[in-house]
Amino acid sequence: MNPASAPYVIYVEDDRINIVLMEEVFRRLPGWRLECAEDGAQALTLLSEDQPDLVLIDMNLPDMTGLDLLQKLRAEPASAQLRCVALSADDLTEQVEAALQAGFSDYWLKPIDVERLAESLKATLPLVSLELKSTF
């Protein structure tokens, strides 16, 4: 990531309510760029067009699992090193461990806590300064 450029995040999520919530969070992050994909295929198309700083991946997509999408990303040299975070409402220890062992950088639980999300983004992309327009 180039610290001088706006952080670019792709959010892969099929639930419209979660997409709207994430879009609202990113509206409050000046300079951040968010693009949303509603399934794995759409995410792969976005990823072929531009390299994000972070990919947030729902673990249960309509056309593949989050693990399947991560495996496809890791198989391609251009996306093999992408920082990817799993998002899921499932907090079973086995699921979390499987995601982390597969190569996700972190595992964030849904529903999204918007205050913690900003802190998690800051921790995940430490080179980026987070200045919120307003508190959540």
C-alpha atoms as a PDB file:
ATOM      1  CA  MET A   1       0.000   0.000   0.000  1.00  0.00           C
ATOM      2  CA  ASN A   2       1.188   3.446  -0.863  1.00  0.00           C
ATOM      3  CA  PRO A   3       0.683   5.607   2.258  1.00  0.00           C
ATOM      4  CA  ALA A   4       0.152   8.685   0.068  1.00  0.00           C
ATOM      5  CA  SER A   5      -2.834   7.100  -1.681  1.00  0.00           C
ATOM      6  CA  ALA A   6      -6.327   6.515  -0.347  1.00  0.00           C
ATOM      7  CA  PRO A   7      -6.799   3.114   1.263  1.00  0.00           C
ATOM      8  CA  TYR A   8      -8.869   0.899  -0.998  1.00  0.00           C
ATOM      9  CA  VAL A   9     -11.052  -1.864   0.478  1.00  0.00           C
ATOM     10  CA  ILE A  10     -13.205  -4.443  -1.259  1.00  0.00           C
ATOM     11  CA  TYR A  11     -16.077  -5.841   0.800  1.00  0.00           C
ATOM     12  CA  VAL A  12     -17.535  -9.145  -0.423  1.00  0.00           C
ATOM     13  CA  GLU A  13     -21.001  -9.567   1.064  1.00  0.00           C
ATOM     14  CA  ASP A  14     -24.369 -10.772  -0.223  1.00  0.00           C
ATOM     15  CA  ASP A  15     -26.560  -9.300   2.531  1.00  0.00           C
ATOM     16  CA  ARG A  16     -27.769  -5.849   1.416  1.00  0.00           C
ATOM     17  CA  ILE A  17     -28.206  -4.607   5.006  1.00  0.00           C
ATOM     18  CA  ASN A  18     -24.578  -5.426   5.823  1.00  0.00           C
ATOM     19  CA  ILE A  19     -23.460  -3.659   2.630  1.00  0.00           C
ATOM     20  CA  VAL A  20     -25.408  -0.515   3.539  1.00  0.00           C
ATOM     21  CA  LEU A  21     -23.941  -0.556   7.046  1.00  0.00           C
ATOM     22  CA  MET A  22     -20.390  -0.907   5.721  1.00  0.00           C
ATOM     23  CA  GLU A  23     -20.962   1.866   3.170  1.00  0.00           C
ATOM     24  CA  GLU A  24     -22.110   4.134   6.007  1.00  0.00           C
ATOM     25  CA  VAL A  25     -18.998   3.311   8.032  1.00  0.00           C
ATOM     26  CA  PHE A  26     -16.759   4.159   5.082  1.00  0.00           C
ATOM     27  CA  ARG A  27     -18.602   7.435   4.424  1.00  0.00           C
ATOM     28  CA  ARG A  28     -17.237   8.488   7.818  1.00  0.00           C
ATOM     29  CA  LEU A  29     -13.662   7.560   6.912  1.00  0.00           C
ATOM     30  CA  PRO A  30     -12.339  10.479   4.862  1.00  0.00           C
ATOM     31  CA  GLY A  31     -10.195   9.431   1.952  1.00  0.00           C
ATOM     32  CA  TRP A  32     -11.030   5.725   2.149  1.00  0.00           C
ATOM     33  CA  ARG A  33     -12.425   3.979  -0.927  1.00  0.00           C
ATOM     34  CA  LEU A  34     -14.856   1.070  -0.608  1.00  0.00           C
ATOM     35  CA  GLU A  35     -16.179  -1.161  -3.368  1.00  0.00           C
ATOM     36  CA  CYS A  36     -18.666  -3.926  -2.702  1.00  0.00           C
ATOM     37  CA  ALA A  37     -19.131  -7.241  -4.448  1.00  0.00           C
ATOM     38  CA  GLU A  38     -22.189  -9.376  -3.809  1.00  0.00           C
ATOM     39  CA  ASP A  39     -20.561 -12.717  -4.612  1.00  0.00           C
ATOM     40  CA  GLY A  40     -17.199 -14.326  -5.229  1.00  0.00           C
ATOM     41  CA  ALA A  41     -17.330 -13.971  -9.006  1.00  0.00           C
ATOM     42  CA  GLN A  42     -17.985 -10.230  -8.783  1.00  0.00           C
ATOM     43  CA  ALA A  43     -15.147  -9.914  -6.269  1.00  0.00           C
ATOM     44  CA  LEU A  44     -12.748 -11.680  -8.626  1.00  0.00           C
ATOM     45  CA  THR A  45     -13.743  -9.251 -11.390  1.00  0.00           C
ATOM     46  CA  LEU A  46     -13.084  -6.234  -9.146  1.00  0.00           C
ATOM     47  CA  LEU A  47      -9.767  -7.723  -8.072  1.00  0.00           C
ATOM     48  CA  SER A  48      -8.708  -8.195 -11.677  1.00  0.00           C
ATOM     49  CA  GLU A  49      -9.225  -4.468 -12.268  1.00  0.00           C
ATOM     50  CA  ASP A  50      -7.413  -2.983  -9.273  1.00  0.00           C
ATOM     51  CA  GLN A  51      -5.366  -4.120  -6.288  1.00  0.00           C
ATOM     52  CA  PRO A  52      -6.990  -3.217  -2.945  1.00  0.00           C
ATOM     53  CA  ASP A  53      -5.188  -2.740   0.338  1.00  0.00           C
ATOM     54  CA  LEU A  54      -7.662  -5.016   2.093  1.00  0.00           C
ATOM     55  CA  VAL A  55     -10.402  -7.494   1.188  1.00  0.00           C
ATOM     56  CA  LEU A  56     -13.207  -8.135   3.690  1.00  0.00           C
ATOM     57  CA  ILE A  57     -14.847 -11.470   2.853  1.00  0.00           C
ATOM     58  CA  ASP A  58     -18.123 -12.853   4.163  1.00  0.00           C
ATOM     59  CA  MET A  59     -17.676 -16.551   4.811  1.00  0.00           C
ATOM     60  CA  ASN A  60     -21.047 -17.554   3.294  1.00  0.00           C
ATOM     61  CA  LEU A  61     -21.429 -16.208  -0.222  1.00  0.00           C
ATOM     62  CA  PRO A  62     -24.089 -17.366  -2.686  1.00  0.00           C
ATOM     63  CA  ASP A  63     -21.639 -18.811  -5.237  1.00  0.00           C
ATOM     64  CA  MET A  64     -18.756 -19.990  -3.029  1.00  0.00           C
ATOM     65  CA  THR A  65     -17.531 -19.919   0.532  1.00  0.00           C
ATOM     66  CA  GLY A  66     -15.137 -17.308   1.848  1.00  0.00           C
ATOM     67  CA  LEU A  67     -12.529 -20.060   2.102  1.00  0.00           C
ATOM     68  CA  ASP A  68     -13.043 -20.902  -1.589  1.00  0.00           C
ATOM     69  CA  LEU A  69     -12.592 -17.252  -2.555  1.00  0.00           C
ATOM     70  CA  LEU A  70      -9.453 -16.951  -0.447  1.00  0.00           C
ATOM     71  CA  GLN A  71      -8.047 -20.088  -2.088  1.00  0.00           C
ATOM     72  CA  LYS A  72      -8.638 -18.571  -5.541  1.00  0.00           C
ATOM     73  CA  LEU A  73      -6.920 -15.350  -4.481  1.00  0.00           C
ATOM     74  CA  ARG A  74      -3.926 -17.191  -3.044  1.00  0.00           C
ATOM     75  CA  ALA A  75      -3.565 -19.210  -6.265  1.00  0.00           C
ATOM     76  CA  GLU A  76      -2.937 -16.074  -8.351  1.00  0.00           C
ATOM     77  CA  PRO A  77       0.447 -14.310  -8.082  1.00  0.00           C
ATOM     78  CA  ALA A  78      -1.153 -10.840  -8.268  1.00  0.00           C
ATOM     79  CA  SER A  79      -3.412 -11.514  -5.282  1.00  0.00           C
ATOM     80  CA  ALA A  80      -1.446 -14.138  -3.354  1.00  0.00           C
ATOM     81  CA  GLN A  81      -0.260 -11.637  -0.745  1.00  0.00           C
ATOM     82  CA  LEU A  82      -3.467  -9.611  -0.379  1.00  0.00           C
ATOM     83  CA  ARG A  83      -4.510  -8.906   3.174  1.00  0.00           C
ATOM     84  CA  CYS A  84      -7.891 -10.608   3.635  1.00  0.00           C
ATOM     85  CA  VAL A  85     -10.178 -10.600   6.667  1.00  0.00           C
ATOM     86  CA  ALA A  86     -13.016 -13.081   7.182  1.00  0.00           C
ATOM     87  CA  LEU A  87     -16.395 -11.810   8.394  1.00  0.00           C
ATOM     88  CA  SER A  88     -19.039 -14.112   9.795  1.00  0.00           C
ATOM     89  CA  ALA A  89     -21.773 -14.396  12.385  1.00  0.00           C
ATOM     90  CA  ASP A  90     -20.384 -17.857  13.164  1.00  0.00           C
ATOM     91  CA  ASP A  91     -18.010 -17.713  16.106  1.00  0.00           C
ATOM     92  CA  LEU A  92     -17.363 -21.430  16.503  1.00  0.00           C
ATOM     93  CA  THR A  93     -13.733 -21.976  17.434  1.00  0.00           C
ATOM     94  CA  GLU A  94     -13.308 -24.507  14.611  1.00  0.00           C
ATOM     95  CA  GLN A  95     -14.569 -22.010  12.002  1.00  0.00           C
ATOM     96  CA  VAL A  96     -12.313 -19.236  13.246  1.00  0.00           C
ATOM     97  CA  GLU A  97      -9.279 -21.529  13.360  1.00  0.00           C
ATOM     98  CA  ALA A  98      -9.996 -22.902   9.871  1.00  0.00           C
ATOM     99  CA  ALA A  99     -10.190 -19.372   8.453  1.00  0.00           C
ATOM    100  CA  LEU A 100      -6.955 -18.269  10.110  1.00  0.00           C
ATOM    101  CA  GLN A 101      -5.138 -21.453   9.073  1.00  0.00           C
ATOM    102  CA  ALA A 102      -6.336 -20.954   5.495  1.00  0.00           C
ATOM    103  CA  GLY A 103      -4.595 -17.580   5.410  1.00  0.00           C
ATOM    104  CA  PHE A 104      -7.046 -14.928   6.569  1.00  0.00           C
ATOM    105  CA  SER A 105      -5.301 -12.136   8.487  1.00  0.00           C
ATOM    106  CA  ASP A 106      -8.129 -11.898  10.995  1.00  0.00           C
ATOM    107  CA  TYR A 107     -11.708 -12.992  11.684  1.00  0.00           C
ATOM    108  CA  TRP A 108     -14.297 -10.324  12.521  1.00  0.00           C
ATOM    109  CA  LEU A 109     -17.702 -11.199  13.918  1.00  0.00           C
ATOM    110  CA  LYS A 110     -21.014  -9.934  12.621  1.00  0.00           C
ATOM    111  CA  PRO A 111     -23.101  -8.056  13.341  1.00  0.00           C
ATOM    112  CA  ILE A 112     -20.489  -5.399  12.822  1.00  0.00           C
ATOM    113  CA  ASP A 113     -19.794  -3.153  15.782  1.00  0.00           C
ATOM    114  CA  VAL A 114     -19.101   0.088  13.923  1.00  0.00           C
ATOM    115  CA  GLU A 115     -16.876   1.563  16.639  1.00  0.00           C
ATOM    116  CA  ARG A 116     -14.727  -1.572  16.755  1.00  0.00           C
ATOM    117  CA  LEU A 117     -14.684  -1.734  12.964  1.00  0.00           C
ATOM    118  CA  ALA A 118     -12.817   1.568  12.718  1.00  0.00           C
ATOM    119  CA  GLU A 119     -10.261   0.381  15.266  1.00  0.00           C
ATOM    120  CA  SER A 120      -9.933  -2.979  13.498  1.00  0.00           C
ATOM    121  CA  LEU A 121      -9.351  -1.240  10.168  1.00  0.00           C
ATOM    122  CA  LYS A 122      -6.687   0.931  11.772  1.00  0.00           C
ATOM    123  CA  ALA A 123      -4.985  -2.129  13.269  1.00  0.00           C
ATOM    124  CA  THR A 124      -5.201  -4.061   9.996  1.00  0.00           C
ATOM    125  CA  LEU A 125      -3.843  -1.179   7.903  1.00  0.00           C
ATOM    126  CA  PRO A 126      -1.481   0.493  10.397  1.00  0.00           C
ATOM    127  CA  LEU A 127       0.125   2.782   7.832  1.00  0.00           C
ATOM    128  CA  VAL A 128      -3.154   4.592   7.334  1.00  0.00           C
ATOM    129  CA  SER A 129      -4.238   7.379   9.650  1.00  0.00           C
ATOM    130  CA  LEU A 130      -7.880   7.036  10.661  1.00  0.00           C
ATOM    131  CA  GLU A 131      -9.602  10.301  11.281  1.00  0.00           C
ATOM    132  CA  LEU A 132     -13.327   9.908  11.630  1.00  0.00           C
ATOM    133  CA  LYS A 133     -15.606  12.757  10.517  1.00  0.00           C
ATOM    134  CA  SER A 134     -17.809  12.117  13.510  1.00  0.00           C
ATOM    135  CA  THR A 135     -18.130   9.596  16.263  1.00  0.00           C
ATOM    136  CA  PHE A 136     -20.279   6.555  15.708  1.00  0.00           C
END
